Protein backbone atom coordinates (compact mmCIF):
# COMPACT_ATOMS: atom_id res chain seq x y z
CA UNK A 1 0.00 0.00 0.00
CA UNK A 2 1.95 3.08 -1.13
CA UNK A 3 1.31 6.06 1.12
CA UNK A 4 3.02 9.44 1.26
CA UNK A 5 2.16 11.74 4.13
CA UNK A 6 0.95 15.21 3.26
CA UNK A 7 2.69 18.09 5.07
CA UNK A 8 -0.39 18.43 7.31
CA UNK A 9 -0.33 14.71 8.16
CA UNK A 10 3.42 14.79 8.85
CA UNK A 11 2.90 17.74 11.20
CA UNK A 12 0.10 15.88 13.03
CA UNK A 13 2.26 12.75 13.40
CA UNK A 14 5.16 14.83 14.69
CA UNK A 15 2.92 16.58 17.22
CA UNK A 16 1.37 13.30 18.43
CA UNK A 17 4.63 11.35 18.63
CA UNK A 18 7.13 14.05 19.49
CA UNK A 19 9.33 12.68 16.71
CA UNK A 20 10.26 14.45 13.49
CA UNK A 21 9.01 12.86 10.26
CA UNK A 22 12.12 12.73 8.07
CA UNK A 23 10.62 10.82 5.14
CA UNK A 24 6.92 11.20 4.30
CA UNK A 25 6.95 8.02 2.18
CA UNK A 26 5.83 4.89 3.99
CA UNK A 27 6.72 1.31 3.18
CA UNK A 28 3.86 -0.81 4.45
CA UNK A 29 1.91 -3.93 3.63
CA UNK A 30 -1.51 -5.08 4.75
CA UNK A 31 -1.88 -8.70 5.82
CA UNK A 32 -4.87 -10.87 5.00
CA UNK A 33 -5.85 -10.91 8.70
CA UNK A 34 -6.02 -7.10 8.79
CA UNK A 35 -2.60 -6.60 10.35
CA UNK A 36 0.11 -4.36 8.96
CA UNK A 37 3.86 -4.49 8.43
CA UNK A 38 6.02 -1.38 8.15
CA UNK A 39 9.63 -1.19 7.01
CA UNK A 40 11.36 1.89 8.37
CA UNK A 41 14.80 3.14 9.26
CA UNK A 42 16.25 5.32 11.96
CA UNK A 43 19.72 6.68 12.50
CA UNK A 44 21.81 4.85 15.09
CA UNK A 45 24.96 6.70 16.13
CA UNK A 46 26.44 6.98 12.63
CA UNK A 47 24.57 4.49 10.42
CA UNK A 48 20.95 3.74 9.61
CA UNK A 49 19.12 0.88 11.29
CA UNK A 50 16.47 -0.75 9.10
CA UNK A 51 13.67 -2.49 10.97
CA UNK A 52 10.28 -4.08 10.44
CA UNK A 53 7.33 -3.35 12.71
CA UNK A 54 4.29 -5.64 12.66
CA UNK A 55 0.91 -4.50 13.98
CA UNK A 56 -2.29 -6.46 14.49
CA UNK A 57 -5.64 -5.29 13.12
CA UNK A 58 -6.19 -3.17 16.26
CA UNK A 59 -2.85 -1.38 15.79
CA UNK A 60 -0.93 -3.12 18.59
CA UNK A 61 2.67 -4.17 18.05
CA UNK A 62 3.06 -7.89 17.41
CA UNK A 63 6.73 -7.84 16.48
CA UNK A 64 9.83 -5.77 15.91
CA UNK A 65 12.69 -7.15 13.82
CA UNK A 66 16.03 -5.54 13.08
CA UNK A 67 16.68 -6.10 9.38
CA UNK A 68 19.99 -4.26 8.97
CA UNK A 69 22.35 -2.98 11.63
CA UNK A 70 25.64 -1.52 10.41
CA UNK A 71 26.96 0.17 13.56
CA UNK A 72 30.17 -1.16 15.10
CA UNK A 73 28.60 -1.29 18.58
CA UNK A 74 25.13 -1.57 20.02
CA UNK A 75 23.74 -4.59 18.23
CA UNK A 76 22.12 -5.63 21.52
CA UNK A 77 18.97 -4.09 20.03
CA UNK A 78 18.70 -7.35 18.06
CA UNK A 79 18.13 -9.38 21.24
CA UNK A 80 14.61 -10.85 21.39
CA UNK A 81 14.12 -9.87 25.05
CA UNK A 82 14.76 -6.19 24.32
CA UNK A 83 12.55 -6.17 21.21
CA UNK A 84 9.75 -7.96 23.10
CA UNK A 85 9.24 -4.85 25.26
CA UNK A 86 7.35 -3.29 22.33
CA UNK A 87 4.83 -6.13 21.99
CA UNK A 88 1.29 -4.99 22.73
CA UNK A 89 2.14 -1.28 22.61
CA UNK A 90 -0.30 0.97 20.74
CA UNK A 91 -0.53 4.63 19.82
CA UNK A 92 -0.98 6.55 23.05
CA UNK A 93 1.49 4.42 24.99
CA UNK A 94 4.23 6.58 26.44
CA UNK A 95 7.08 4.60 24.86
CA UNK A 96 9.92 6.44 26.53
CA UNK A 97 13.43 5.07 26.89
CA UNK A 98 14.30 4.25 30.52
CA UNK A 99 10.63 4.50 31.51
CA UNK A 100 8.75 1.99 29.32
CA UNK A 101 11.68 0.62 27.32
CA UNK A 102 14.98 -0.40 28.90
CA UNK A 103 18.07 1.45 27.77
CA UNK A 104 20.90 -0.75 26.53
CA UNK A 105 24.35 0.26 27.75
CA UNK A 106 26.55 0.66 24.70
CA UNK A 107 23.50 1.08 22.48
CA UNK A 108 21.91 4.19 23.93
CA UNK A 109 21.35 6.03 20.65
CA UNK A 110 20.17 2.89 18.85
CA UNK A 111 17.75 2.14 21.70
CA UNK A 112 16.50 5.72 21.76
CA UNK A 113 16.04 6.10 18.02
CA UNK A 114 14.33 2.72 17.58
CA UNK A 115 11.96 3.59 20.43
CA UNK A 116 11.21 6.94 18.80
CA UNK A 117 10.75 5.26 15.41
CA UNK A 118 8.17 2.85 16.81
CA UNK A 119 6.36 5.72 18.55
CA UNK A 120 6.29 7.66 15.25
CA UNK A 121 4.98 4.66 13.27
CA UNK A 122 2.26 3.97 15.84
CA UNK A 123 1.12 7.61 15.57
CA UNK A 124 1.29 7.42 11.77
CA UNK A 125 -0.77 4.25 11.76
CA UNK A 126 -3.46 5.67 14.03
CA UNK A 127 -3.69 9.18 12.59
CA UNK A 128 -3.09 8.52 8.89
CA UNK A 129 -3.24 4.91 7.75
CA UNK A 130 -6.43 3.85 9.53
CA UNK A 131 -8.08 7.16 8.58
CA UNK A 132 -7.61 6.62 4.83
């Protein structure tokens, strides 16, 4: 499903999530059961981290997978236990590092930016995708 956010939609997502929308183009697929899968990327410390976020039909996170991680350090974000913290989260959940999501020593920026990316995608899903 190709979707590009309008400037108004991007502004609404940024306001709701507290995260800047850097690319208005979304990569997403709709599953037969009504769920969704997004492919997105965030900046780690120096390199981009590409990840997949799966949502159920109600918009709750069912999975987070790290698809590409090029940083020298911080690949602890790949660990299933850390990624599982996002399961069940929906738009409106606080999703703050060190409050809802554990910070990973040695991967602080990767942890932070992935958490922000998920928060931004959940806002995008709720405010834009389900409204279209």
